[in-house]
Amino acid sequence: MTPRHKPYLTSGAAFEIGLRPLATEQWLDIGPDHAAFMAAKRARLAGRPPLYYRSLERSRPAQAELLRLAAQHLLAHHGEAFSADGDTLVDQIDGSRHELGDGGREPLDVLGGLVEEDFVLFAREEDRDIVIAASNAYTSSGRIVSCVGRNMHFAHEPVPGLNEQLGPRIDRVIANVQPGKPVVRFNWFVTPISSRLYPPTQEDYAGPAAAVAQQLAEDHRKAGEMLWLRVEHQTFMRLPETGALAFGIHTYSDPLSSIAEDRASLAALKQLIGSYSDDRLDYGGMLVNRAAILRWIEDRLVPA
């Protein structure tokens, strides 16, 4: 099976926002591993741990609007996977039931256990877009969740050069997203992490990642089976009633071998990874495996 999204085919060497219009029916997605993934995601978000979840009291109306729109979307565009039973949404894949009107839980908390996407909510306050709530199970850095009460510049600080190069433009883009006109962009990495959920601690990642790097340094031919293409489908939707901005993140993970016969993808990855700075590759975890990845790609681009 080839990757659902291939943003590296149109990515440039320099940082770019890369926004384009989003078809409404493509807002939320359901992966082939939905049941197993959602079980892991719900376990991670249970009890709203501060590493993965944070909200401000004033975010409740926007949370409720986002949950309502997501439920409507699932019924309209994923009717094979979800059905309604009064105020309860039933996941037909894993049998779970989700009370949309559960007054004892925050709406964003309910949504986190319902859809594969993570969500961050922004509100326009004092001429700035401020993060007012975040449910972010994919990463365990806590960086996005720590932005609640601030803008997203804080989350972008670890990304080499991003705030300096694109900070003001990102602010303008976020401010200009209009109701009824959602947009989408992508991030991608080549990583030793197969799971769509990042390991819970740096130690859980560092040891296995170092072991993979060592094996690939000895034999680059294993790269296709030991590395994964991680793609983030990032959506921006302005909520029509509250005016809040919903930033959604859906992560996909496919083995690098899934593009072994795709010469266009191989050529694009070779060009990009070969041109990225060491800082950018290091941030994405690709620097240590750059040589192995490029050699693996080159093997496949040799004419038959």
Protein backbone atom coordinates (compact mmCIF):
# COMPACT_ATOMS: atom_id res chain seq x y z
CA MET A 1 0.00 0.00 0.00
CA THR A 2 1.39 3.39 -0.99
CA PRO A 3 1.14 6.44 1.33
CA ARG A 4 -2.15 8.33 1.26
CA HIS A 5 -0.37 11.69 1.11
CA LYS A 6 2.97 12.48 -0.54
CA PRO A 7 3.77 16.12 0.31
CA TYR A 8 7.46 15.67 -0.52
CA LEU A 9 6.49 15.66 -4.20
CA THR A 10 5.70 19.37 -3.99
CA SER A 11 7.86 20.48 -1.03
CA GLY A 12 10.61 23.02 -1.48
CA ALA A 13 14.04 23.15 0.11
CA ALA A 14 13.18 26.32 2.06
CA PHE A 15 10.59 26.50 4.83
CA GLU A 16 7.15 27.23 3.43
CA ILE A 17 3.63 27.40 4.76
CA GLY A 18 2.23 25.56 1.74
CA LEU A 19 -1.45 26.19 2.45
CA ARG A 20 -4.07 25.22 -0.09
CA PRO A 21 -7.89 24.99 -0.03
CA LEU A 22 -9.28 21.96 1.80
CA ALA A 23 -12.28 20.06 0.44
CA THR A 24 -14.79 19.79 3.28
CA GLU A 25 -15.11 16.02 2.92
CA GLN A 26 -11.35 15.66 3.54
CA TRP A 27 -11.36 17.39 6.92
CA LEU A 28 -11.34 14.25 9.11
CA ASP A 29 -9.96 10.84 8.15
CA ILE A 30 -10.15 7.25 9.36
CA GLY A 31 -7.09 5.02 9.04
CA PRO A 32 -6.93 1.25 8.49
CA ASP A 33 -5.64 0.85 12.07
CA HIS A 34 -8.46 2.93 13.53
CA ALA A 35 -9.51 0.60 16.35
CA ALA A 36 -6.00 -0.05 17.67
CA PHE A 37 -4.94 3.55 17.24
CA MET A 38 -7.98 4.98 19.02
CA ALA A 39 -7.52 2.58 21.93
CA ALA A 40 -3.95 3.83 22.36
CA LYS A 41 -4.98 7.47 21.93
CA ARG A 42 -7.78 7.22 24.49
CA ALA A 43 -5.43 5.58 26.97
CA ARG A 44 -2.94 8.43 26.51
CA LEU A 45 -5.59 11.13 26.96
CA ALA A 46 -7.44 9.49 29.86
CA GLY A 47 -7.84 11.94 32.73
CA ARG A 48 -6.58 14.83 30.57
CA PRO A 49 -2.91 14.61 31.60
CA PRO A 50 -1.28 18.06 31.39
CA LEU A 51 1.40 16.78 29.02
CA TYR A 52 -1.27 16.14 26.39
CA TYR A 53 -4.27 18.30 27.29
CA ARG A 54 -4.88 21.82 28.54
CA SER A 55 -7.68 24.35 28.18
CA LEU A 56 -8.89 27.74 29.37
CA GLU A 57 -12.40 28.16 30.75
CA ARG A 58 -13.27 30.64 28.02
CA SER A 59 -12.64 27.97 25.37
CA ARG A 60 -15.80 25.97 26.26
CA PRO A 61 -18.12 27.52 23.61
CA ALA A 62 -15.54 26.94 20.87
CA GLN A 63 -14.96 23.39 22.11
CA ALA A 64 -18.68 22.67 21.94
CA GLU A 65 -18.95 24.10 18.42
CA LEU A 66 -15.97 22.07 17.21
CA LEU A 67 -17.39 18.83 18.67
CA ARG A 68 -20.77 19.47 17.05
CA LEU A 69 -19.21 20.15 13.63
CA ALA A 70 -16.98 17.07 13.88
CA ALA A 71 -19.95 14.84 14.74
CA GLN A 72 -21.90 16.23 11.79
CA HIS A 73 -18.92 15.63 9.52
CA LEU A 74 -18.48 12.02 10.64
CA LEU A 75 -22.13 11.22 10.01
CA ALA A 76 -22.15 12.97 6.63
CA HIS A 77 -18.82 11.71 5.26
CA HIS A 78 -17.98 8.59 7.29
CA GLY A 79 -21.39 6.97 7.64
CA GLU A 80 -19.84 3.55 7.21
CA ALA A 81 -17.86 4.07 10.41
CA PHE A 82 -20.14 6.21 12.61
CA SER A 83 -23.84 6.30 13.41
CA ALA A 84 -26.03 8.34 15.76
CA ASP A 85 -28.11 7.04 18.65
CA GLY A 86 -29.78 10.15 20.01
CA ASP A 87 -27.03 12.32 21.47
CA THR A 88 -24.58 9.43 21.30
CA LEU A 89 -22.18 8.84 18.42
CA VAL A 90 -21.40 5.16 17.88
CA ASP A 91 -18.09 4.08 16.39
CA GLN A 92 -19.08 1.11 14.24
CA ILE A 93 -15.46 -0.02 13.88
CA ASP A 94 -14.62 -0.58 17.54
CA GLY A 95 -18.09 -0.39 19.09
CA SER A 96 -17.29 2.56 21.37
CA ARG A 97 -20.04 5.03 22.27
CA HIS A 98 -19.45 8.76 22.73
CA GLU A 99 -21.94 10.94 24.62
CA LEU A 100 -21.89 14.31 22.86
CA GLY A 101 -23.89 16.00 25.60
CA ASP A 102 -21.85 14.71 28.54
CA GLY A 103 -21.83 17.73 30.82
CA GLY A 104 -19.20 16.16 33.05
CA ARG A 105 -16.51 16.27 30.36
CA GLU A 106 -15.10 19.06 28.26
CA PRO A 107 -16.22 18.81 24.61
CA LEU A 108 -12.59 18.75 23.42
CA ASP A 109 -11.96 15.81 25.74
CA VAL A 110 -14.89 13.94 24.18
CA LEU A 111 -13.61 14.79 20.71
CA GLY A 112 -10.13 13.51 21.55
CA GLY A 113 -11.55 10.04 22.15
CA LEU A 114 -13.77 10.18 19.07
CA VAL A 115 -11.50 11.14 16.15
CA GLU A 116 -7.96 10.33 15.12
CA GLU A 117 -7.09 14.01 14.75
CA ASP A 118 -5.57 16.14 17.48
CA PHE A 119 -6.97 19.66 17.80
CA VAL A 120 -5.70 23.04 18.94
CA LEU A 121 -8.13 25.96 19.34
CA PHE A 122 -7.16 29.60 18.79
CA ALA A 123 -9.13 32.73 19.70
CA ARG A 124 -8.50 36.25 18.42
CA GLU A 125 -7.68 38.34 21.50
CA GLU A 126 -6.11 41.81 21.57
CA ASP A 127 -5.24 41.52 17.87
CA ARG A 128 -3.41 38.19 18.38
CA ASP A 129 -4.38 34.56 17.90
CA ILE A 130 -4.02 32.90 21.30
CA VAL A 131 -4.15 29.15 21.95
CA ILE A 132 -7.14 28.60 24.26
CA ALA A 133 -7.27 24.77 24.28
CA ALA A 134 -5.19 21.87 23.02
CA SER A 135 -5.58 18.10 22.90
CA ASN A 136 -2.33 16.75 21.45
CA ALA A 137 -1.75 13.03 21.87
CA TYR A 138 0.56 12.53 18.88
CA THR A 139 3.64 14.10 20.43
CA SER A 140 4.97 13.67 23.95
CA SER A 141 7.07 16.85 24.01
CA GLY A 142 4.23 18.85 25.55
CA ARG A 143 5.29 21.84 23.46
CA ILE A 144 1.95 22.51 21.77
CA VAL A 145 -0.06 22.03 24.96
CA SER A 146 2.28 24.42 26.78
CA CYS A 147 1.21 27.14 24.32
CA VAL A 148 -2.26 27.41 25.88
CA GLY A 149 -2.57 31.05 26.90
CA ARG A 150 0.16 32.07 24.38
CA ASN A 151 0.57 32.16 20.61
CA MET A 152 2.20 29.41 18.53
CA HIS A 153 5.60 31.13 18.32
CA PHE A 154 6.50 29.37 21.57
CA ALA A 155 5.85 25.95 19.99
CA HIS A 156 7.91 26.86 16.93
CA GLU A 157 11.02 27.97 18.85
CA PRO A 158 12.75 24.56 18.57
CA VAL A 159 12.33 24.53 14.77
CA PRO A 160 15.53 26.06 13.35
CA GLY A 161 14.80 29.39 11.67
CA LEU A 162 11.02 28.97 11.48
CA ASN A 163 9.96 31.97 13.57
CA GLU A 164 12.61 34.16 11.97
CA GLN A 165 11.72 33.17 8.41
CA LEU A 166 7.97 32.69 8.58
CA GLY A 167 6.68 33.86 11.98
CA PRO A 168 4.91 37.05 10.79
CA ARG A 169 3.51 35.31 7.73
CA ILE A 170 2.17 32.42 9.81
CA ASP A 171 0.42 34.98 12.05
CA ARG A 172 -1.18 36.63 9.00
CA VAL A 173 -2.28 33.32 7.51
CA ILE A 174 -3.90 32.17 10.76
CA ALA A 175 -5.69 35.50 11.16
CA ASN A 176 -7.01 35.39 7.57
CA VAL A 177 -8.60 31.92 7.57
CA GLN A 178 -12.28 32.57 6.85
CA PRO A 179 -15.40 30.58 7.84
CA GLY A 180 -16.38 28.18 5.10
CA LYS A 181 -12.89 28.26 3.56
CA PRO A 182 -10.74 25.69 5.39
CA VAL A 183 -7.13 25.19 4.32
CA VAL A 184 -4.54 22.42 4.65
CA ARG A 185 -0.77 22.00 4.78
CA PHE A 186 1.64 19.09 5.42
CA ASN A 187 4.79 18.22 7.36
CA TRP A 188 6.84 15.08 6.71
CA PHE A 189 9.83 13.21 8.17
CA VAL A 190 11.70 9.97 7.67
CA THR A 191 11.92 8.40 11.11
CA PRO A 192 12.68 5.13 12.94
CA ILE A 193 9.33 5.55 14.76
CA SER A 194 6.67 3.27 13.32
CA SER A 195 3.86 4.26 15.69
CA ARG A 196 1.68 7.26 14.93
CA LEU A 197 1.93 8.17 18.62
CA TYR A 198 5.37 9.42 19.59
CA PRO A 199 7.04 7.38 22.39
CA PRO A 200 6.04 8.66 25.85
CA THR A 201 9.57 9.70 26.88
CA GLN A 202 12.78 10.75 25.16
CA GLU A 203 14.45 7.66 26.61
CA ASP A 204 11.84 5.44 24.93
CA TYR A 205 12.83 7.01 21.62
CA ALA A 206 16.58 7.55 21.96
CA GLY A 207 17.64 3.96 22.61
CA PRO A 208 15.71 2.30 19.77
CA ALA A 209 16.58 5.17 17.40
CA ALA A 210 20.29 4.77 18.13
CA ALA A 211 20.04 1.02 17.54
CA VAL A 212 18.40 1.60 14.15
CA ALA A 213 21.04 4.17 13.20
CA GLN A 214 23.81 1.72 14.07
CA GLN A 215 22.28 -1.03 11.95
CA LEU A 216 21.77 1.30 9.01
CA ALA A 217 25.35 2.57 9.27
CA GLU A 218 26.42 -1.04 8.82
CA ASP A 219 23.89 -1.92 6.11
CA HIS A 220 21.91 0.83 4.36
CA ARG A 221 19.85 -1.80 2.51
CA LYS A 222 17.72 -2.23 5.64
CA ALA A 223 16.46 1.36 5.47
CA GLY A 224 13.25 0.46 3.66
CA GLU A 225 12.16 -1.85 6.44
CA MET A 226 13.57 0.04 9.45
CA LEU A 227 12.52 3.61 8.60
CA TRP A 228 9.08 5.14 8.24
CA LEU A 229 7.56 8.03 6.33
CA ARG A 230 5.69 10.17 8.87
CA VAL A 231 3.29 12.71 7.35
CA GLU A 232 1.22 15.28 9.24
CA HIS A 233 -2.01 16.44 7.57
CA GLN A 234 -2.62 19.84 9.18
CA THR A 235 -5.98 21.60 8.73
CA PHE A 236 -7.16 25.09 9.65
CA MET A 237 -10.89 25.79 9.97
CA ARG A 238 -12.54 28.97 11.24
CA LEU A 239 -15.61 28.09 13.33
CA PRO A 240 -18.55 30.18 12.08
CA GLU A 241 -20.32 30.80 15.41
CA THR A 242 -17.53 31.49 17.90
CA GLY A 243 -14.93 32.67 15.36
CA ALA A 244 -12.33 30.38 16.93
CA LEU A 245 -9.76 28.72 14.68
CA ALA A 246 -9.52 24.92 14.85
CA PHE A 247 -6.08 23.55 13.95
CA GLY A 248 -6.26 19.81 13.31
CA ILE A 249 -3.39 17.33 12.99
CA HIS A 250 -3.74 13.83 11.53
CA THR A 251 -0.55 11.77 11.44
CA TYR A 252 0.16 8.97 8.95
CA SER A 253 2.97 6.42 9.14
CA ASP A 254 4.09 4.19 6.25
CA PRO A 255 7.26 2.10 5.87
CA LEU A 256 9.86 3.72 3.66
CA SER A 257 9.65 0.56 1.54
CA SER A 258 6.11 1.61 0.52
CA ILE A 259 7.67 3.96 -2.07
CA ALA A 260 10.38 1.54 -3.23
CA GLU A 261 8.86 1.43 -6.73
CA ASP A 262 7.73 5.06 -6.84
CA ARG A 263 10.50 6.80 -8.74
CA ALA A 264 8.92 10.26 -8.47
CA SER A 265 8.76 10.03 -4.66
CA LEU A 266 12.27 8.59 -4.47
CA ALA A 267 13.69 11.38 -6.61
CA ALA A 268 11.86 14.04 -4.58
CA LEU A 269 13.15 12.67 -1.27
CA LYS A 270 16.68 12.43 -2.63
CA GLN A 271 16.62 16.06 -3.72
CA LEU A 272 15.11 17.38 -0.48
CA ILE A 273 17.13 15.34 2.01
CA GLY A 274 20.28 16.11 0.06
CA SER A 275 19.58 19.85 0.17
CA TYR A 276 18.28 20.35 3.73
CA SER A 277 20.63 21.92 6.28
CA ASP A 278 22.06 19.79 9.07
CA ASP A 279 19.96 21.74 11.61
CA ARG A 280 16.74 21.01 9.76
CA LEU A 281 17.58 17.34 9.31
CA ASP A 282 18.57 17.04 12.96
CA TYR A 283 15.29 18.61 14.12
CA GLY A 284 13.36 16.02 12.09
CA GLY A 285 15.56 13.17 13.33
CA MET A 286 16.88 12.52 9.82
CA LEU A 287 20.48 13.71 10.09
CA VAL A 288 21.88 10.54 11.65
CA ASN A 289 20.33 8.39 8.90
CA ARG A 290 20.82 10.75 5.96
CA ALA A 291 23.59 8.74 4.31
CA ALA A 292 21.71 5.45 4.63
CA ILE A 293 18.48 6.95 3.28
CA LEU A 294 20.23 8.48 0.27
CA ARG A 295 22.10 5.28 -0.53
CA TRP A 296 18.89 3.25 -0.26
CA ILE A 297 17.15 5.67 -2.61
CA GLU A 298 20.03 5.68 -5.07
CA ASP A 299 19.94 1.89 -5.24
CA ARG A 300 16.35 2.10 -6.42
CA LEU A 301 16.91 4.87 -8.93
CA VAL A 302 19.63 2.95 -10.80
CA PRO A 303 18.25 2.12 -14.29
CA ALA A 304 17.30 -1.52 -14.71
